[in-house]
């Protein structure tokens, strides 16, 4: 082992522990192994040459679980479906903010979620999940997993006793295998108590089956919420959102203990759901500015939410910074969240038509799904991200026709506020987009 190689994971200078935002520039990468390049190259290769046949054998023994790595042994490079230098560097840096033992990157947030659930759930297992969740996750839980004999039972996020009732129902029909939560909920910002989930998971675990707690932390993490610190077993991300942060990549991640992630790694290798090297390189770039971007977005969102809360056409603003101090949600927020984040929703007077008129009038804020990018985005959850959920269920989840979701970017907050002001006060849209919308409604 060369001398420079010894320090490429160094976390401290003497007794001084380095902070995550500093480690994002260097951790997991040794420039001396890449011709001195300050930034990691993109390793566009499908396969890797072994130094010897014995080395190839050793790499495969570890990759296929035939033996465990020794404490000083690196995970050998074999094939980019198994591992790649860009992904290894990315995965090491992803562990830093959350304090995870290991991380795995995936081709999308949904591939991370699907691969993880298929790793740990088996026929007759029950997954208890909070609602609302991201629309793709809802579809996976409600429509795909049952085809494999896995039962899904939802509970309303923020409703007292809902989780307990769902677990009891799960116990009656099968063996609870996982509590899956998205907190804050998409798009209502309802909170789920992670510590309570961990407590109940332990209660329903058996010698044969441990109930895992998995948290989709896309809305607040990894800066403003760190579920592993509250006892969660697994943390999931759509890296497309805040971590990627530029609306130019699709990727996901799963974080947790080395023991649990080894099983996920095996499933990822067989399913082929890993991230590609170029995407991994782009996310490495984005991690360097994550704190700067998320802090700016959080600050801007506070100003925008304050404006909307005083506008006469706005009936409610679902923003974590507005929680009442005497509410259960506020206690959960104070316990597990560090800041209210940059994504929230608000409700207009009226319904779908009024929302569409405002959305069509926006000039700075982009009308698009997704969140966490440098640009501000607005969408209509009831007809877009959660469109496949029946209306009655949408209403039970708090997704009303009057709800608009905002993801605030890094523009000047005054410009975003002025855009929302003019959109809220604009005359009904007679533009081409407005005309198309009217024709579509007639056709439906």
Foldseek 3Di string as FASTA:
>chain_A
DDPQVVCQQPQADVPGGHALLVCLQGHLDRCVVVVNDSADDQPPDFFDDDPDVVRVVVLVCCQVVVDHDDPPDDNDTGGVLQHDSLQRRLFVSVCRLQVFPTKAKFQALVLQVVLLCVLFDAAQEEEEEEPPAWQVVVCCQPPPVVVRNYHYHYFYAQDPPRSVVRVVVSVVRGQHAEYEYEALHPAQNRGDQLLVRQVVQCVRADPVGRYAYEYADAQAPDNWFRSVVSPHAKYKYQCCAQLLAANPGGMMMMGHYPVSVSSSSSSSSVVSGHHHSVRSSSSSVSNSCSVVWFVLLLVLQVVLQVLLVPDPFWDFWSWLVPDDPPDPRVVSCVVGTRGRTRKTKTFGPDFQQLVVQLQVQFDQEDDDDGANHQGKYKYQCCCPRNVVDDPVVCVVNVRTRRMMMMHHHNDPSVVVNVRSVCSNVDDGDPDPVSVVVVVVVVVD
